[in-house]
C-alpha atoms as a PDB file:
ATOM      1  CA  UNK A   1     -10.013-100.779  71.820  1.00  0.00           C
ATOM      2  CA  UNK A   2     -13.642-100.186  70.618  1.00  0.00           C
ATOM      3  CA  UNK A   3     -16.196-102.274  69.142  1.00  0.00           C
ATOM      4  CA  UNK A   4     -19.050-101.427  67.031  1.00  0.00           C
ATOM      5  CA  UNK A   5     -21.615-103.828  65.656  1.00  0.00           C
ATOM      6  CA  UNK A   6     -21.942-103.918  61.864  1.00  0.00           C
ATOM      7  CA  UNK A   7     -25.062-102.656  60.440  1.00  0.00           C
ATOM      8  CA  UNK A   8     -27.722-104.156  58.263  1.00  0.00           C
ATOM      9  CA  UNK A   9     -26.136-107.003  58.635  1.00  0.00           C
ATOM     10  CA  UNK A  10     -27.098-109.708  56.961  1.00  0.00           C
ATOM     11  CA  UNK A  11     -29.276-112.830  57.926  1.00  0.00           C
ATOM     12  CA  UNK A  12     -27.419-115.533  55.868  1.00  0.00           C
ATOM     13  CA  UNK A  13     -23.884-114.471  57.655  1.00  0.00           C
ATOM     14  CA  UNK A  14     -22.106-116.873  60.715  1.00  0.00           C
ATOM     15  CA  UNK A  15     -21.483-115.053  63.407  1.00  0.00           C
ATOM     16  CA  UNK A  16     -17.824-114.582  64.860  1.00  0.00           C
ATOM     17  CA  UNK A  17     -16.232-115.268  68.045  1.00  0.00           C
ATOM     18  CA  UNK A  18     -16.854-112.979  71.004  1.00  0.00           C
ATOM     19  CA  UNK A  19     -13.519-111.092  71.654  1.00  0.00           C
ATOM     20  CA  UNK A  20     -12.555-111.740  74.942  1.00  0.00           C
ATOM     21  CA  UNK A  21     -13.079-108.766  77.336  1.00  0.00           C
ATOM     22  CA  UNK A  22     -15.694-107.059  75.237  1.00  0.00           C
ATOM     23  CA  UNK A  23     -18.208-106.676  76.815  1.00  0.00           C
ATOM     24  CA  UNK A  24     -16.280-105.498  80.259  1.00  0.00           C
ATOM     25  CA  UNK A  25     -14.828-102.745  77.814  1.00  0.00           C
ATOM     26  CA  UNK A  26     -18.019-101.637  76.472  1.00  0.00           C
ATOM     27  CA  UNK A  27     -19.634-101.383  80.211  1.00  0.00           C
ATOM     28  CA  UNK A  28     -16.496 -99.222  81.264  1.00  0.00           C
ATOM     29  CA  UNK A  29     -16.799 -97.451  78.472  1.00  0.00           C
ATOM     30  CA  UNK A  30     -20.674 -96.323  77.780  1.00  0.00           C
ATOM     31  CA  UNK A  31     -23.172 -98.148  80.602  1.00  0.00           C
ATOM     32  CA  UNK A  32     -24.058-101.197  79.385  1.00  0.00           C
ATOM     33  CA  UNK A  33     -28.211-103.017  79.354  1.00  0.00           C
ATOM     34  CA  UNK A  34     -27.579-106.430  79.373  1.00  0.00           C
ATOM     35  CA  UNK A  35     -30.844-108.819  77.822  1.00  0.00           C
ATOM     36  CA  UNK A  36     -30.224-112.260  78.807  1.00  0.00           C
ATOM     37  CA  UNK A  37     -32.410-115.078  77.026  1.00  0.00           C
ATOM     38  CA  UNK A  38     -33.299-118.226  79.478  1.00  0.00           C
ATOM     39  CA  UNK A  39     -33.122-121.228  77.993  1.00  0.00           C
ATOM     40  CA  UNK A  40     -30.087-122.833  76.085  1.00  0.00           C
ATOM     41  CA  UNK A  41     -28.738-119.256  77.263  1.00  0.00           C
ATOM     42  CA  UNK A  42     -28.451-118.861  81.226  1.00  0.00           C
ATOM     43  CA  UNK A  43     -29.378-122.334  81.559  1.00  0.00           C
ATOM     44  CA  UNK A  44     -28.751-125.768  79.179  1.00  0.00           C
ATOM     45  CA  UNK A  45     -31.473-126.737  77.569  1.00  0.00           C
ATOM     46  CA  UNK A  46     -32.936-129.877  79.199  1.00  0.00           C
ATOM     47  CA  UNK A  47     -35.573-133.036  78.355  1.00  0.00           C
ATOM     48  CA  UNK A  48     -38.606-131.573  81.032  1.00  0.00           C
ATOM     49  CA  UNK A  49     -38.481-127.651  81.071  1.00  0.00           C
ATOM     50  CA  UNK A  50     -38.801-127.296  84.565  1.00  0.00           C
ATOM     51  CA  UNK A  51     -35.647-128.680  85.182  1.00  0.00           C
ATOM     52  CA  UNK A  52     -33.579-126.115  83.274  1.00  0.00           C
ATOM     53  CA  UNK A  53     -31.688-124.061  85.595  1.00  0.00           C
ATOM     54  CA  UNK A  54     -28.297-121.921  85.252  1.00  0.00           C
ATOM     55  CA  UNK A  55     -25.202-123.041  84.308  1.00  0.00           C
ATOM     56  CA  UNK A  56     -22.741-122.865  87.540  1.00  0.00           C
ATOM     57  CA  UNK A  57     -21.779-119.511  88.716  1.00  0.00           C
ATOM     58  CA  UNK A  58     -23.807-117.363  86.884  1.00  0.00           C
ATOM     59  CA  UNK A  59     -26.637-116.843  88.565  1.00  0.00           C
ATOM     60  CA  UNK A  60     -24.122-114.625  91.319  1.00  0.00           C
ATOM     61  CA  UNK A  61     -22.280-112.899  88.422  1.00  0.00           C
ATOM     62  CA  UNK A  62     -25.809-111.407  87.354  1.00  0.00           C
ATOM     63  CA  UNK A  63     -26.846-110.519  91.177  1.00  0.00           C
ATOM     64  CA  UNK A  64     -22.792-108.760  91.093  1.00  0.00           C
ATOM     65  CA  UNK A  65     -23.945-107.175  87.528  1.00  0.00           C
ATOM     66  CA  UNK A  66     -26.683-106.242  88.789  1.00  0.00           C
ATOM     67  CA  UNK A  67     -25.624-104.817  92.152  1.00  0.00           C
ATOM     68  CA  UNK A  68     -23.211-102.361  89.627  1.00  0.00           C
ATOM     69  CA  UNK A  69     -26.386 -99.727  88.697  1.00  0.00           C
ATOM     70  CA  UNK A  70     -24.526 -96.974  88.152  1.00  0.00           C
ATOM     71  CA  UNK A  71     -22.891 -98.155  84.915  1.00  0.00           C
ATOM     72  CA  UNK A  72     -25.099-101.967  84.102  1.00  0.00           C
ATOM     73  CA  UNK A  73     -28.623-102.823  84.320  1.00  0.00           C
ATOM     74  CA  UNK A  74     -29.249-106.504  83.640  1.00  0.00           C
ATOM     75  CA  UNK A  75     -33.054-107.894  81.988  1.00  0.00           C
ATOM     76  CA  UNK A  76     -34.240-111.026  81.655  1.00  0.00           C
ATOM     77  CA  UNK A  77     -35.753-111.378  78.878  1.00  0.00           C
ATOM     78  CA  UNK A  78     -37.610-115.106  77.644  1.00  0.00           C
ATOM     79  CA  UNK A  79     -40.836-116.758  76.498  1.00  0.00           C
ATOM     80  CA  UNK A  80     -41.061-118.574  79.914  1.00  0.00           C
ATOM     81  CA  UNK A  81     -43.518-116.457  82.816  1.00  0.00           C
ATOM     82  CA  UNK A  82     -41.638-114.125  84.730  1.00  0.00           C
ATOM     83  CA  UNK A  83     -42.920-115.888  87.393  1.00  0.00           C
ATOM     84  CA  UNK A  84     -41.225-119.172  86.381  1.00  0.00           C
ATOM     85  CA  UNK A  85     -38.089-117.562  85.171  1.00  0.00           C
ATOM     86  CA  UNK A  86     -37.612-115.990  89.180  1.00  0.00           C
ATOM     87  CA  UNK A  87     -37.980-119.389  90.512  1.00  0.00           C
ATOM     88  CA  UNK A  88     -35.717-121.095  87.970  1.00  0.00           C
ATOM     89  CA  UNK A  89     -32.666-118.271  87.921  1.00  0.00           C
ATOM     90  CA  UNK A  90     -33.075-117.860  92.297  1.00  0.00           C
ATOM     91  CA  UNK A  91     -33.056-114.333  91.414  1.00  0.00           C
ATOM     92  CA  UNK A  92     -36.628-112.119  92.909  1.00  0.00           C
ATOM     93  CA  UNK A  93     -35.477-108.790  92.348  1.00  0.00           C
ATOM     94  CA  UNK A  94     -32.462-105.901  91.337  1.00  0.00           C
ATOM     95  CA  UNK A  95     -32.923-107.328  87.671  1.00  0.00           C
ATOM     96  CA  UNK A  96     -35.601-106.475  85.023  1.00  0.00           C
ATOM     97  CA  UNK A  97     -37.884-109.755  83.479  1.00  0.00           C
ATOM     98  CA  UNK A  98     -39.416-109.292  79.740  1.00  0.00           C
ATOM     99  CA  UNK A  99     -41.911-112.721  79.977  1.00  0.00           C
ATOM    100  CA  UNK A 100     -43.827-114.607  77.489  1.00  0.00           C
ATOM    101  CA  UNK A 101     -41.389-113.350  74.169  1.00  0.00           C
ATOM    102  CA  UNK A 102     -42.023-109.756  74.900  1.00  0.00           C
ATOM    103  CA  UNK A 103     -46.179-109.663  76.667  1.00  0.00           C
ATOM    104  CA  UNK A 104     -45.149-109.198  80.077  1.00  0.00           C
ATOM    105  CA  UNK A 105     -42.917-107.388  82.095  1.00  0.00           C
ATOM    106  CA  UNK A 106     -41.814-106.347  85.188  1.00  0.00           C
ATOM    107  CA  UNK A 107     -42.372-102.253  86.660  1.00  0.00           C
ATOM    108  CA  UNK A 108     -40.334 -99.827  89.037  1.00  0.00           C
ATOM    109  CA  UNK A 109     -42.042-101.907  91.826  1.00  0.00           C
ATOM    110  CA  UNK A 110     -40.885-105.723  90.128  1.00  0.00           C
ATOM    111  CA  UNK A 111     -44.036-106.406  89.721  1.00  0.00           C
ATOM    112  CA  UNK A 112     -45.755-107.952  86.274  1.00  0.00           C
ATOM    113  CA  UNK A 113     -48.160-107.297  84.442  1.00  0.00           C
ATOM    114  CA  UNK A 114     -49.401-107.648  80.465  1.00  0.00           C
ATOM    115  CA  UNK A 115     -49.603-105.731  77.740  1.00  0.00           C
ATOM    116  CA  UNK A 116     -52.560-104.592  76.554  1.00  0.00           C
ATOM    117  CA  UNK A 117     -52.534-106.325  73.745  1.00  0.00           C
ATOM    118  CA  UNK A 118     -53.138-109.665  75.814  1.00  0.00           C
ATOM    119  CA  UNK A 119     -57.053-108.674  76.832  1.00  0.00           C
ATOM    120  CA  UNK A 120     -57.212-107.796  72.990  1.00  0.00           C
ATOM    121  CA  UNK A 121     -56.610-111.268  71.842  1.00  0.00           C
ATOM    122  CA  UNK A 122     -57.995-113.389  74.968  1.00  0.00           C
ATOM    123  CA  UNK A 123     -61.026-114.738  73.111  1.00  0.00           C
ATOM    124  CA  UNK A 124     -58.513-116.311  70.807  1.00  0.00           C
ATOM    125  CA  UNK A 125     -56.397-117.467  72.654  1.00  0.00           C
ATOM    126  CA  UNK A 126     -59.430-119.855  74.818  1.00  0.00           C
ATOM    127  CA  UNK A 127     -60.717-121.197  71.386  1.00  0.00           C
ATOM    128  CA  UNK A 128     -56.863-122.109  70.912  1.00  0.00           C
ATOM    129  CA  UNK A 129     -56.831-124.021  74.554  1.00  0.00           C
ATOM    130  CA  UNK A 130     -60.614-125.348  73.677  1.00  0.00           C
ATOM    131  CA  UNK A 131     -59.098-127.148  70.425  1.00  0.00           C
ATOM    132  CA  UNK A 132     -55.897-128.574  72.249  1.00  0.00           C
ATOM    133  CA  UNK A 133     -57.686-130.137  75.058  1.00  0.00           C
ATOM    134  CA  UNK A 134     -59.700-131.288  73.277  1.00  0.00           C
ATOM    135  CA  UNK A 135     -57.184-132.787  69.947  1.00  0.00           C
ATOM    136  CA  UNK A 136     -54.575-133.983  72.581  1.00  0.00           C
ATOM    137  CA  UNK A 137     -53.953-137.933  72.289  1.00  0.00           C
ATOM    138  CA  UNK A 138     -54.294-139.955  75.442  1.00  0.00           C
ATOM    139  CA  UNK A 139     -51.051-141.445  73.984  1.00  0.00           C
ATOM    140  CA  UNK A 140     -47.841-139.755  76.347  1.00  0.00           C
ATOM    141  CA  UNK A 141     -45.274-136.984  75.303  1.00  0.00           C
ATOM    142  CA  UNK A 142     -47.606-134.025  73.873  1.00  0.00           C
ATOM    143  CA  UNK A 143     -48.954-131.770  77.008  1.00  0.00           C
ATOM    144  CA  UNK A 144     -50.227-128.274  76.565  1.00  0.00           C
ATOM    145  CA  UNK A 145     -48.237-125.416  78.486  1.00  0.00           C
ATOM    146  CA  UNK A 146     -50.335-122.863  79.613  1.00  0.00           C
ATOM    147  CA  UNK A 147     -48.789-119.392  79.673  1.00  0.00           C
ATOM    148  CA  UNK A 148     -52.187-116.987  79.978  1.00  0.00           C
ATOM    149  CA  UNK A 149     -50.921-114.925  76.991  1.00  0.00           C
ATOM    150  CA  UNK A 150     -49.984-117.499  74.731  1.00  0.00           C
ATOM    151  CA  UNK A 151     -50.347-121.726  74.600  1.00  0.00           C
ATOM    152  CA  UNK A 152     -48.351-124.352  73.599  1.00  0.00           C
ATOM    153  CA  UNK A 153     -48.077-127.355  72.192  1.00  0.00           C
ATOM    154  CA  UNK A 154     -45.038-129.482  73.251  1.00  0.00           C
ATOM    155  CA  UNK A 155     -44.495-132.175  71.871  1.00  0.00           C
ATOM    156  CA  UNK A 156     -40.457-132.876  72.887  1.00  0.00           C
ATOM    157  CA  UNK A 157     -41.959-136.639  74.503  1.00  0.00           C
ATOM    158  CA  UNK A 158     -43.567-137.393  71.513  1.00  0.00           C
ATOM    159  CA  UNK A 159     -43.588-140.064  68.728  1.00  0.00           C
ATOM    160  CA  UNK A 160     -42.228-138.024  65.633  1.00  0.00           C
ATOM    161  CA  UNK A 161     -45.178-138.861  63.072  1.00  0.00           C
ATOM    162  CA  UNK A 162     -48.295-138.286  65.201  1.00  0.00           C
ATOM    163  CA  UNK A 163     -46.578-134.824  66.083  1.00  0.00           C
ATOM    164  CA  UNK A 164     -45.889-134.244  63.304  1.00  0.00           C
ATOM    165  CA  UNK A 165     -49.847-134.816  62.070  1.00  0.00           C
ATOM    166  CA  UNK A 166     -50.847-132.861  65.342  1.00  0.00           C
ATOM    167  CA  UNK A 167     -48.499-129.284  64.693  1.00  0.00           C
ATOM    168  CA  UNK A 168     -49.957-129.019  60.758  1.00  0.00           C
ATOM    169  CA  UNK A 169     -53.743-129.828  62.524  1.00  0.00           C
ATOM    170  CA  UNK A 170     -52.993-127.139  65.040  1.00  0.00           C
ATOM    171  CA  UNK A 171     -51.550-124.918  62.328  1.00  0.00           C
ATOM    172  CA  UNK A 172     -54.002-125.003  60.190  1.00  0.00           C
ATOM    173  CA  UNK A 173     -56.812-124.131  63.095  1.00  0.00           C
ATOM    174  CA  UNK A 174     -54.682-121.430  64.438  1.00  0.00           C
ATOM    175  CA  UNK A 175     -54.586-119.884  60.804  1.00  0.00           C
ATOM    176  CA  UNK A 176     -58.432-120.578  60.240  1.00  0.00           C
ATOM    177  CA  UNK A 177     -59.880-119.406  63.430  1.00  0.00           C
ATOM    178  CA  UNK A 178     -57.425-117.592  65.843  1.00  0.00           C
ATOM    179  CA  UNK A 179     -56.329-114.135  62.800  1.00  0.00           C
ATOM    180  CA  UNK A 180     -54.962-112.083  66.336  1.00  0.00           C
ATOM    181  CA  UNK A 181     -52.749-114.694  66.717  1.00  0.00           C
ATOM    182  CA  UNK A 182     -49.859-116.262  65.192  1.00  0.00           C
ATOM    183  CA  UNK A 183     -47.966-120.165  65.661  1.00  0.00           C
ATOM    184  CA  UNK A 184     -44.332-119.793  66.106  1.00  0.00           C
ATOM    185  CA  UNK A 185     -42.460-123.156  66.037  1.00  0.00           C
ATOM    186  CA  UNK A 186     -40.004-122.985  69.164  1.00  0.00           C
ATOM    187  CA  UNK A 187     -37.459-125.620  69.905  1.00  0.00           C
ATOM    188  CA  UNK A 188     -40.270-128.394  70.766  1.00  0.00           C
ATOM    189  CA  UNK A 189     -42.813-126.903  71.270  1.00  0.00           C
ATOM    190  CA  UNK A 190     -45.581-124.503  68.963  1.00  0.00           C
ATOM    191  CA  UNK A 191     -47.031-121.745  70.241  1.00  0.00           C
ATOM    192  CA  UNK A 192     -49.909-119.671  69.407  1.00  0.00           C
ATOM    193  CA  UNK A 193     -49.712-115.602  70.737  1.00  0.00           C
ATOM    194  CA  UNK A 194     -50.845-112.113  70.439  1.00  0.00           C
ATOM    195  CA  UNK A 195     -48.575-111.386  66.650  1.00  0.00           C
ATOM    196  CA  UNK A 196     -47.454-108.437  68.549  1.00  0.00           C
ATOM    197  CA  UNK A 197     -45.586-110.619  70.464  1.00  0.00           C
ATOM    198  CA  UNK A 198     -41.866-110.665  70.159  1.00  0.00           C
ATOM    199  CA  UNK A 199     -38.426-110.089  71.686  1.00  0.00           C
ATOM    200  CA  UNK A 200     -37.303-107.008  70.050  1.00  0.00           C
ATOM    201  CA  UNK A 201     -40.685-105.080  71.373  1.00  0.00           C
ATOM    202  CA  UNK A 202     -39.542-106.373  74.413  1.00  0.00           C
ATOM    203  CA  UNK A 203     -36.350-104.170  73.907  1.00  0.00           C
ATOM    204  CA  UNK A 204     -37.553-101.181  72.628  1.00  0.00           C
ATOM    205  CA  UNK A 205     -39.004-101.116  76.082  1.00  0.00           C
ATOM    206  CA  UNK A 206     -36.481-102.002  77.947  1.00  0.00           C
ATOM    207  CA  UNK A 207     -33.965 -99.694  76.360  1.00  0.00           C
ATOM    208  CA  UNK A 208     -36.812 -96.678  76.720  1.00  0.00           C
ATOM    209  CA  UNK A 209     -36.205 -97.493  80.455  1.00  0.00           C
ATOM    210  CA  UNK A 210     -32.069 -97.152  80.543  1.00  0.00           C
ATOM    211  CA  UNK A 211     -30.390 -94.265  81.094  1.00  0.00           C
ATOM    212  CA  UNK A 212     -29.315 -91.801  77.344  1.00  0.00           C
ATOM    213  CA  UNK A 213     -25.936 -94.132  75.812  1.00  0.00           C
ATOM    214  CA  UNK A 214     -26.439 -97.001  77.504  1.00  0.00           C
ATOM    215  CA  UNK A 215     -25.794 -99.356  75.127  1.00  0.00           C
ATOM    216  CA  UNK A 216     -27.582-102.836  74.831  1.00  0.00           C
ATOM    217  CA  UNK A 217     -26.024-106.666  74.648  1.00  0.00           C
ATOM    218  CA  UNK A 218     -28.276-108.788  73.436  1.00  0.00           C
ATOM    219  CA  UNK A 219     -27.134-113.111  73.774  1.00  0.00           C
ATOM    220  CA  UNK A 220     -30.176-115.486  73.149  1.00  0.00           C
ATOM    221  CA  UNK A 221     -29.957-118.976  71.447  1.00  0.00           C
ATOM    222  CA  UNK A 222     -33.726-119.156  69.777  1.00  0.00           C
ATOM    223  CA  UNK A 223     -35.498-118.206  66.573  1.00  0.00           C
ATOM    224  CA  UNK A 224     -37.214-115.858  68.561  1.00  0.00           C
ATOM    225  CA  UNK A 225     -33.966-113.817  69.248  1.00  0.00           C
ATOM    226  CA  UNK A 226     -33.183-113.651  65.494  1.00  0.00           C
ATOM    227  CA  UNK A 227     -35.542-110.115  65.784  1.00  0.00           C
ATOM    228  CA  UNK A 228     -33.995-108.988  69.343  1.00  0.00           C
ATOM    229  CA  UNK A 229     -30.513-109.415  67.360  1.00  0.00           C
ATOM    230  CA  UNK A 230     -32.054-107.282  63.886  1.00  0.00           C
ATOM    231  CA  UNK A 231     -32.885-104.722  66.018  1.00  0.00           C
ATOM    232  CA  UNK A 232     -30.061-103.356  67.972  1.00  0.00           C
ATOM    233  CA  UNK A 233     -28.464-100.130  66.911  1.00  0.00           C
ATOM    234  CA  UNK A 234     -24.554-100.276  65.598  1.00  0.00           C
ATOM    235  CA  UNK A 235     -23.326 -99.616  68.917  1.00  0.00           C
ATOM    236  CA  UNK A 236     -24.804-102.256  70.785  1.00  0.00           C
ATOM    237  CA  UNK A 237     -23.489-106.135  70.601  1.00  0.00           C
ATOM    238  CA  UNK A 238     -25.685-108.969  69.488  1.00  0.00           C
ATOM    239  CA  UNK A 239     -24.407-112.511  70.638  1.00  0.00           C
ATOM    240  CA  UNK A 240     -25.643-115.889  68.918  1.00  0.00           C
ATOM    241  CA  UNK A 241     -25.304-118.187  72.615  1.00  0.00           C
ATOM    242  CA  UNK A 242     -25.045-122.042  71.110  1.00  0.00           C
ATOM    243  CA  UNK A 243     -22.976-123.134  67.480  1.00  0.00           C
ATOM    244  CA  UNK A 244     -22.696-120.847  64.893  1.00  0.00           C
ATOM    245  CA  UNK A 245     -25.710-120.793  62.196  1.00  0.00           C
ATOM    246  CA  UNK A 246     -27.295-118.909  60.151  1.00  0.00           C
ATOM    247  CA  UNK A 247     -28.232-115.603  62.258  1.00  0.00           C
ATOM    248  CA  UNK A 248     -28.071-111.829  62.323  1.00  0.00           C
ATOM    249  CA  UNK A 249     -26.075-111.926  65.982  1.00  0.00           C
ATOM    250  CA  UNK A 250     -22.922-110.939  65.089  1.00  0.00           C
ATOM    251  CA  UNK A 251     -20.775-112.342  67.294  1.00  0.00           C
ATOM    252  CA  UNK A 252     -21.304-116.144  69.648  1.00  0.00           C
ATOM    253  CA  UNK A 253     -19.791-118.038  72.359  1.00  0.00           C
ATOM    254  CA  UNK A 254     -20.221-121.780  72.394  1.00  0.00           C
ATOM    255  CA  UNK A 255     -22.448-122.565  74.822  1.00  0.00           C
ATOM    256  CA  UNK A 256     -24.137-121.139  78.303  1.00  0.00           C
ATOM    257  CA  UNK A 257     -20.693-122.376  79.941  1.00  0.00           C
ATOM    258  CA  UNK A 258     -19.213-119.637  77.767  1.00  0.00           C
ATOM    259  CA  UNK A 259     -21.471-117.286  78.778  1.00  0.00           C
ATOM    260  CA  UNK A 260     -20.845-117.802  82.300  1.00  0.00           C
ATOM    261  CA  UNK A 261     -17.058-117.400  82.351  1.00  0.00           C
ATOM    262  CA  UNK A 262     -17.430-113.749  80.076  1.00  0.00           C
ATOM    263  CA  UNK A 263     -20.584-112.726  82.935  1.00  0.00           C
ATOM    264  CA  UNK A 264     -18.099-113.671  85.962  1.00  0.00           C
ATOM    265  CA  UNK A 265     -15.258-111.407  83.974  1.00  0.00           C
ATOM    266  CA  UNK A 266     -17.613-108.687  83.356  1.00  0.00           C
ATOM    267  CA  UNK A 267     -18.762-108.659  86.713  1.00  0.00           C
ATOM    268  CA  UNK A 268     -15.161-108.949  88.699  1.00  0.00           C
ATOM    269  CA  UNK A 269     -14.849-105.888  86.878  1.00  0.00           C
ATOM    270  CA  UNK A 270     -18.458-103.647  87.667  1.00  0.00           C
ATOM    271  CA  UNK A 271     -17.684-104.923  91.374  1.00  0.00           C
ATOM    272  CA  UNK A 272     -13.841-103.666  91.587  1.00  0.00           C
ATOM    273  CA  UNK A 273     -14.997-100.407  89.501  1.00  0.00           C
ATOM    274  CA  UNK A 274     -17.423 -99.759  92.154  1.00  0.00           C
ATOM    275  CA  UNK A 275     -14.699-100.194  94.689  1.00  0.00           C
ATOM    276  CA  UNK A 276     -16.682-103.166  96.105  1.00  0.00           C
ATOM    277  CA  UNK A 277     -14.891-105.945  97.665  1.00  0.00           C
END
């Protein structure tokens, strides 16, 4: 059986469950670039971002898939810094990384660096840092995350009314005082970053490093994954992780544990095909 992602997918369409064995079939037939978001995809969403560990079995499956280099390459595409994803995932080499929403990449030697637009936006990012430092309430529940290439306001443990007020002021400040930046509203964090930052760009640059003919499989759960879903071609596959919602993804899996099952099956098939135990 062959699979093809419908083209020009509408944003208001609901995804269908990922057919069991689909990833294996595509990898065997064409080879794949497997792009995986981290939070909410490889790990559950946790109250404390630092405790978001990969679900059981998923790390081992990624390592096995990555070892089948002829038919698969694995890339983690995250909003986090690469160094943080490496620490949480527990894998330092053998796979590709893109961090901070497509602003940071690892090279062929595994060294991480930012795209040139980050330096161009540095003065405005510093302006945002200083504003947040001067306006963060003394009350508990807020904290600033500085990713160098982006600056975020976390509010998941803050009072709801206080958070709404500060977020509105933050949005206004970025709009007026940092024209090179955009404010992206994520899960309990508002993040200022250069306007060029998108996971679609991350996928485009990663695909350029792949063998000709590889299909791209992209799995993600967040609103920032939508532009990556939309950028995929007809022969690629988009998978929303989590409860079905309005999305550009064609397929869905209910949670990271379900993804772990699919990746385990893929790892088993690829290692057998390579003659490994």
